């Protein structure tokens, strides 16, 4: 597929189209940020260095996204496995014990009765429960794609999560800084770069902050002052931006901000992974161990009587 795509781009360039115009005809593969950077590089005659800069930007962005996904996917995968194991125990193991307990003729302990009743309900209604979960997931996905207001609200709330909120905020700031630094280093005007980075921020909070900074800069405010006024950017990022403005090295300083936050994301992911492993194991032990103990309580009682 990639060879065919590049073949089409080559044919369009051979017919006289500019490279960025040829790339814009394939928006699924080349987004607006990519095309804008290529257009600026063509106009400045620095296409080779710009493509190298784009490659570095893509590599850093993909690496950061992968780390955040790994941090979020690990507990989700473990919880999913726990749900599957619990369902197997409730649907197949508990009914086998129930048939055996019916021969005792004695009253079963309360935990055992609770587990057996839950198993009966799950065994009777599991197709409806599974269908309800699937329909709910599809409706949630449709609402996420269809309603921008809902998506914006979820993104706002995600930055306020007790454990993952700081991680997501640092990742969003790293993406914002690296995108902004890449655009500004490519020679794109400050106001235009802020408008473009708003569309590529990946989070509505930083997108709105970018547009607010754009309006303030257009009215004569300094970049770091406008960033501080939004209340979204941390003090260290604002101070580093001020130094970059005064030294005339804003793109390099934005890259430093991105590297700093990417390093903090690495450390946060490592810390969260180390912290969640014992917590998740403890939760799994309580849930599955509780089911096993509830099923063996009648056996223990019978053994003590004998």
Protein backbone atom coordinates (compact mmCIF):
# COMPACT_ATOMS: atom_id res chain seq x y z
CA UNK A 1 0.00 0.00 0.00
CA UNK A 2 2.78 2.45 0.81
CA UNK A 3 4.51 1.74 -2.51
CA UNK A 4 1.27 2.44 -4.38
CA UNK A 5 0.73 5.65 -2.42
CA UNK A 6 4.22 6.93 -3.16
CA UNK A 7 3.77 5.97 -6.81
CA UNK A 8 0.70 8.20 -7.01
CA UNK A 9 2.56 11.06 -5.34
CA UNK A 10 5.45 10.66 -7.79
CA UNK A 11 3.08 10.79 -10.78
CA UNK A 12 1.41 13.95 -9.48
CA UNK A 13 4.79 15.63 -8.92
CA UNK A 14 5.90 14.54 -12.39
CA UNK A 15 2.84 16.30 -13.85
CA UNK A 16 3.96 19.56 -12.27
CA UNK A 17 2.28 19.59 -8.87
CA UNK A 18 4.28 20.71 -5.86
CA UNK A 19 5.12 18.06 -3.28
CA UNK A 20 2.86 19.47 -0.57
CA UNK A 21 -0.04 19.72 -3.05
CA UNK A 22 0.45 16.08 -4.01
CA UNK A 23 0.54 15.07 -0.36
CA UNK A 24 -2.61 17.04 0.45
CA UNK A 25 -4.57 14.75 -1.90
CA UNK A 26 -4.00 11.90 0.56
CA UNK A 27 -5.26 13.31 3.89
CA UNK A 28 -5.60 9.87 5.46
CA UNK A 29 -1.83 9.41 5.29
CA UNK A 30 -0.48 12.98 5.40
CA UNK A 31 -2.20 15.31 7.86
CA UNK A 32 -2.35 19.09 7.71
CA UNK A 33 0.70 19.52 9.94
CA UNK A 34 2.84 17.36 7.64
CA UNK A 35 1.69 19.21 4.52
CA UNK A 36 2.21 22.64 6.09
CA UNK A 37 5.76 21.77 7.09
CA UNK A 38 6.54 20.46 3.61
CA UNK A 39 5.05 23.60 2.05
CA UNK A 40 7.18 25.85 4.28
CA UNK A 41 10.27 23.80 3.45
CA UNK A 42 9.62 24.01 -0.28
CA UNK A 43 9.25 27.77 -0.10
CA UNK A 44 12.47 28.11 1.95
CA UNK A 45 14.45 25.61 -0.14
CA UNK A 46 15.24 23.38 2.84
CA UNK A 47 13.19 20.29 2.09
CA UNK A 48 15.91 17.81 3.06
CA UNK A 49 16.45 19.19 6.56
CA UNK A 50 12.70 19.63 7.07
CA UNK A 51 11.98 16.00 6.20
CA UNK A 52 14.61 14.96 8.72
CA UNK A 53 12.97 17.22 11.30
CA UNK A 54 9.55 15.72 10.50
CA UNK A 55 10.96 12.21 10.86
CA UNK A 56 12.40 13.05 14.29
CA UNK A 57 9.09 14.63 15.32
CA UNK A 58 7.15 11.53 14.24
CA UNK A 59 9.50 9.17 16.03
CA UNK A 60 9.29 11.14 19.28
CA UNK A 61 5.50 11.47 19.05
CA UNK A 62 4.97 7.76 18.37
CA UNK A 63 7.32 6.79 21.19
CA UNK A 64 5.50 9.08 23.62
CA UNK A 65 2.10 7.80 22.53
CA UNK A 66 3.27 4.21 22.92
CA UNK A 67 4.47 4.84 26.48
CA UNK A 68 1.19 6.44 27.51
CA UNK A 69 -0.81 3.62 25.92
CA UNK A 70 1.37 1.04 27.67
CA UNK A 71 0.73 2.72 31.02
CA UNK A 72 -3.03 2.74 30.41
CA UNK A 73 -3.23 -0.68 28.73
CA UNK A 74 -1.46 -2.68 31.45
CA UNK A 75 -4.12 -2.36 34.18
CA UNK A 76 -6.87 -2.69 31.57
CA UNK A 77 -5.42 -5.97 30.29
CA UNK A 78 -5.02 -7.38 33.79
CA UNK A 79 -8.58 -6.41 34.74
CA UNK A 80 -9.87 -8.00 31.52
CA UNK A 81 -8.08 -11.26 32.34
CA UNK A 82 -9.50 -11.13 35.86
CA UNK A 83 -13.02 -10.71 34.48
CA UNK A 84 -12.57 -13.66 32.12
CA UNK A 85 -11.21 -15.89 34.90
CA UNK A 86 -14.02 -14.87 37.24
CA UNK A 87 -16.61 -15.57 34.53
CA UNK A 88 -15.14 -19.04 33.92
CA UNK A 89 -15.27 -19.82 37.63
CA UNK A 90 -18.86 -18.57 37.95
CA UNK A 91 -20.18 -20.32 34.83
CA UNK A 92 -18.46 -23.70 35.05
CA UNK A 93 -16.72 -24.27 38.38
CA UNK A 94 -19.40 -23.02 40.77
CA UNK A 95 -22.23 -25.10 39.16
CA UNK A 96 -20.09 -28.22 39.56
CA UNK A 97 -19.67 -27.48 43.27
CA UNK A 98 -23.38 -26.72 43.59
CA UNK A 99 -24.28 -30.20 42.36
CA UNK A 100 -21.92 -31.69 44.91
CA UNK A 101 -23.26 -29.53 47.76
CA UNK A 102 -26.84 -30.59 47.05
CA UNK A 103 -25.95 -34.04 48.36
CA UNK A 104 -24.83 -32.68 51.76
CA UNK A 105 -28.31 -31.91 52.99
CA UNK A 106 -26.98 -29.21 55.33
CA UNK A 107 -27.27 -25.45 55.24
CA UNK A 108 -24.44 -23.85 53.32
CA UNK A 109 -22.41 -20.88 54.67
CA UNK A 110 -23.57 -17.40 53.69
CA UNK A 111 -20.58 -16.61 51.40
CA UNK A 112 -21.16 -19.86 49.52
CA UNK A 113 -24.87 -19.11 49.08
CA UNK A 114 -24.10 -15.61 47.79
CA UNK A 115 -21.60 -16.90 45.23
CA UNK A 116 -23.97 -19.65 44.08
CA UNK A 117 -26.85 -17.18 43.64
CA UNK A 118 -24.61 -14.86 41.62
CA UNK A 119 -23.53 -17.81 39.50
CA UNK A 120 -27.16 -18.76 38.80
CA UNK A 121 -27.99 -15.19 37.73
CA UNK A 122 -24.89 -15.00 35.55
CA UNK A 123 -25.56 -18.41 34.00
CA UNK A 124 -29.13 -17.45 33.18
CA UNK A 125 -28.58 -13.94 31.85
CA UNK A 126 -24.99 -13.93 30.53
CA UNK A 127 -26.05 -13.64 26.83
CA UNK A 128 -28.10 -10.54 27.64
CA UNK A 129 -25.29 -9.08 29.76
CA UNK A 130 -22.75 -9.68 27.00
CA UNK A 131 -25.07 -8.14 24.40
CA UNK A 132 -25.68 -5.15 26.67
CA UNK A 133 -21.95 -4.58 27.11
CA UNK A 134 -21.37 -4.79 23.35
CA UNK A 135 -24.21 -2.36 22.58
CA UNK A 136 -23.01 0.03 25.27
CA UNK A 137 -19.48 -0.05 23.84
CA UNK A 138 -20.73 0.65 20.32
CA UNK A 139 -22.95 3.49 21.53
CA UNK A 140 -20.06 5.01 23.49
CA UNK A 141 -17.79 4.80 20.45
CA UNK A 142 -20.47 6.39 18.24
CA UNK A 143 -21.02 9.19 20.76
CA UNK A 144 -17.25 9.80 21.00
CA UNK A 145 -17.00 10.23 17.23
CA UNK A 146 -20.28 12.07 16.71
CA UNK A 147 -20.40 14.59 19.55
CA UNK A 148 -17.36 16.90 19.93
CA UNK A 149 -18.78 18.40 23.14
CA UNK A 150 -18.77 14.99 24.80
CA UNK A 151 -15.26 14.30 23.56
CA UNK A 152 -14.09 17.66 24.90
CA UNK A 153 -15.65 17.00 28.30
CA UNK A 154 -13.99 13.59 28.55
CA UNK A 155 -10.61 15.09 27.61
CA UNK A 156 -11.00 17.78 30.27
CA UNK A 157 -11.89 15.22 32.92
CA UNK A 158 -9.00 12.97 31.88
CA UNK A 159 -6.51 15.65 32.95
CA UNK A 160 -8.07 15.67 36.44
CA UNK A 161 -7.79 11.93 37.11
CA UNK A 162 -6.09 11.21 40.45
CA UNK A 163 -3.36 8.89 39.11
CA UNK A 164 -3.22 9.23 35.33
CA UNK A 165 -4.16 12.91 35.06
CA UNK A 166 -0.63 14.23 35.57
CA UNK A 167 0.75 11.66 33.13
CA UNK A 168 -1.74 12.69 30.44
CA UNK A 169 -1.07 16.39 31.07
CA UNK A 170 2.69 15.93 30.72
CA UNK A 171 2.23 13.90 27.54
CA UNK A 172 -0.05 16.57 26.07
CA UNK A 173 2.43 19.32 26.97
CA UNK A 174 5.29 17.37 25.39
CA UNK A 175 3.28 16.89 22.19
CA UNK A 176 2.28 20.57 22.15
CA UNK A 177 5.84 21.80 22.71
CA UNK A 178 7.40 19.51 20.12
CA UNK A 179 4.76 20.36 17.50
CA UNK A 180 5.05 24.10 18.17
CA UNK A 181 8.84 23.98 18.12
CA UNK A 182 8.86 22.05 14.85
CA UNK A 183 6.50 24.53 13.21
CA UNK A 184 8.33 27.61 14.47
CA UNK A 185 11.71 26.15 13.54
CA UNK A 186 10.41 25.57 10.02
CA UNK A 187 9.97 29.30 9.57
CA UNK A 188 6.19 29.40 9.97
CA UNK A 189 4.93 32.64 11.53
CA UNK A 190 4.21 32.57 15.25
CA UNK A 191 0.48 33.25 14.96
CA UNK A 192 0.04 30.70 12.17
CA UNK A 193 2.09 28.13 14.10
CA UNK A 194 -0.12 28.58 17.17
CA UNK A 195 -3.22 28.08 15.08
CA UNK A 196 -1.81 24.92 13.51
CA UNK A 197 -0.62 23.47 16.80
CA UNK A 198 -4.12 23.94 18.23
CA UNK A 199 -5.42 21.45 15.68
CA UNK A 200 -2.64 18.98 16.43
CA UNK A 201 -2.61 19.30 20.23
CA UNK A 202 -4.61 16.12 20.78
CA UNK A 203 -6.42 17.58 23.79
CA UNK A 204 -9.13 20.22 23.83
CA UNK A 205 -7.62 21.99 26.86
CA UNK A 206 -4.33 22.65 25.07
CA UNK A 207 -6.13 23.41 21.81
CA UNK A 208 -8.19 26.14 23.45
CA UNK A 209 -5.11 27.43 25.25
CA UNK A 210 -3.24 27.64 21.93
CA UNK A 211 -6.01 29.71 20.37
CA UNK A 212 -6.09 31.99 23.43
CA UNK A 213 -2.30 32.45 23.20
CA UNK A 214 -2.65 33.16 19.46
CA UNK A 215 -5.19 35.90 20.08
CA UNK A 216 -3.08 37.45 22.85
CA UNK A 217 0.10 37.39 20.73
CA UNK A 218 -1.79 38.92 17.83
CA UNK A 219 -2.78 41.78 20.13
CA UNK A 220 0.83 42.43 21.12
CA UNK A 221 1.39 40.25 24.18
CA UNK A 222 4.56 38.22 24.65
CA UNK A 223 4.36 34.49 24.11
CA UNK A 224 5.32 33.51 27.65
CA UNK A 225 2.94 36.11 29.12
CA UNK A 226 0.06 34.79 27.03
CA UNK A 227 0.93 31.21 28.05
CA UNK A 228 0.95 32.16 31.72
CA UNK A 229 -2.42 33.91 31.41
CA UNK A 230 -4.14 30.72 30.25
CA UNK A 231 -3.30 28.86 33.48
CA UNK A 232 -2.74 25.66 31.49
CA UNK A 233 1.03 25.67 31.13
CA UNK A 234 3.23 25.01 34.18
CA UNK A 235 5.55 27.71 35.49
CA UNK A 236 8.70 25.91 34.34
CA UNK A 237 7.45 25.75 30.75
CA UNK A 238 6.54 29.45 30.86
CA UNK A 239 9.94 30.42 32.24
CA UNK A 240 11.80 28.32 29.66
CA UNK A 241 9.71 29.90 26.91
CA UNK A 242 10.61 33.37 28.23
CA UNK A 243 14.30 32.46 28.12
CA UNK A 244 13.89 31.15 24.58
CA UNK A 245 12.21 34.38 23.48
CA UNK A 246 14.92 36.56 25.00
CA UNK A 247 17.75 34.43 23.58
CA UNK A 248 16.18 34.14 20.11
CA UNK A 249 16.17 30.33 20.36
CA UNK A 250 12.48 29.63 20.90
CA UNK A 251 12.37 26.45 18.79
CA UNK A 252 15.33 24.93 20.66
CA UNK A 253 13.82 25.82 24.04
CA UNK A 254 10.45 24.30 23.06
CA UNK A 255 12.33 21.15 22.13
CA UNK A 256 13.91 21.18 25.61
CA UNK A 257 10.46 21.50 27.18
CA UNK A 258 9.27 18.52 25.15
CA UNK A 259 12.32 16.43 26.13
CA UNK A 260 11.86 17.32 29.80
CA UNK A 261 8.21 16.26 29.80
CA UNK A 262 8.93 13.12 27.79
CA UNK A 263 11.52 12.13 30.38
CA UNK A 264 9.02 12.78 33.16
CA UNK A 265 6.47 10.63 31.32
CA UNK A 266 9.05 7.82 31.16
CA UNK A 267 9.66 8.05 34.89
CA UNK A 268 5.93 8.26 35.66
CA UNK A 269 5.17 5.20 33.52
CA UNK A 270 7.91 3.20 35.27
CA UNK A 271 6.68 4.30 38.69
CA UNK A 272 3.03 3.55 37.89
CA UNK A 273 3.89 0.12 36.51
CA UNK A 274 5.91 -0.75 39.61
CA UNK A 275 3.13 0.54 41.86
CA UNK A 276 0.23 -1.09 40.07
CA UNK A 277 1.71 -4.59 39.90
CA UNK A 278 1.36 -5.40 43.63
CA UNK A 279 -1.96 -3.54 43.88
CA UNK A 280 -3.48 -5.43 40.97
CA UNK A 281 -2.13 -8.74 42.25
CA UNK A 282 -3.66 -8.04 45.66
CA UNK A 283 -7.04 -7.21 44.12
CA UNK A 284 -6.97 -10.34 41.97
CA UNK A 285 -6.01 -12.40 45.00
CA UNK A 286 -8.94 -11.03 47.01
CA UNK A 287 -11.50 -11.55 44.23
CA UNK A 288 -10.48 -14.97 42.95
CA UNK A 289 -9.26 -16.16 46.34
CA UNK A 290 -12.57 -15.10 47.85
CA UNK A 291 -14.48 -17.17 45.29
CA UNK A 292 -12.33 -20.22 45.96
CA UNK A 293 -12.65 -19.88 49.74
CA UNK A 294 -16.43 -19.45 49.47
CA UNK A 295 -16.66 -22.70 47.48
CA UNK A 296 -14.47 -24.66 49.90
CA UNK A 297 -16.06 -23.44 53.15
CA UNK A 298 -18.64 -26.30 53.19
CA UNK A 299 -15.84 -28.78 52.57
CA UNK A 300 -13.85 -27.33 55.51
CA UNK A 301 -16.89 -27.49 57.77
CA UNK A 302 -17.61 -31.09 56.80
CA UNK A 303 -14.00 -32.01 57.51
CA UNK A 304 -14.10 -30.39 60.95
CA UNK A 305 -17.30 -32.29 61.80
CA UNK A 306 -15.77 -35.60 60.72
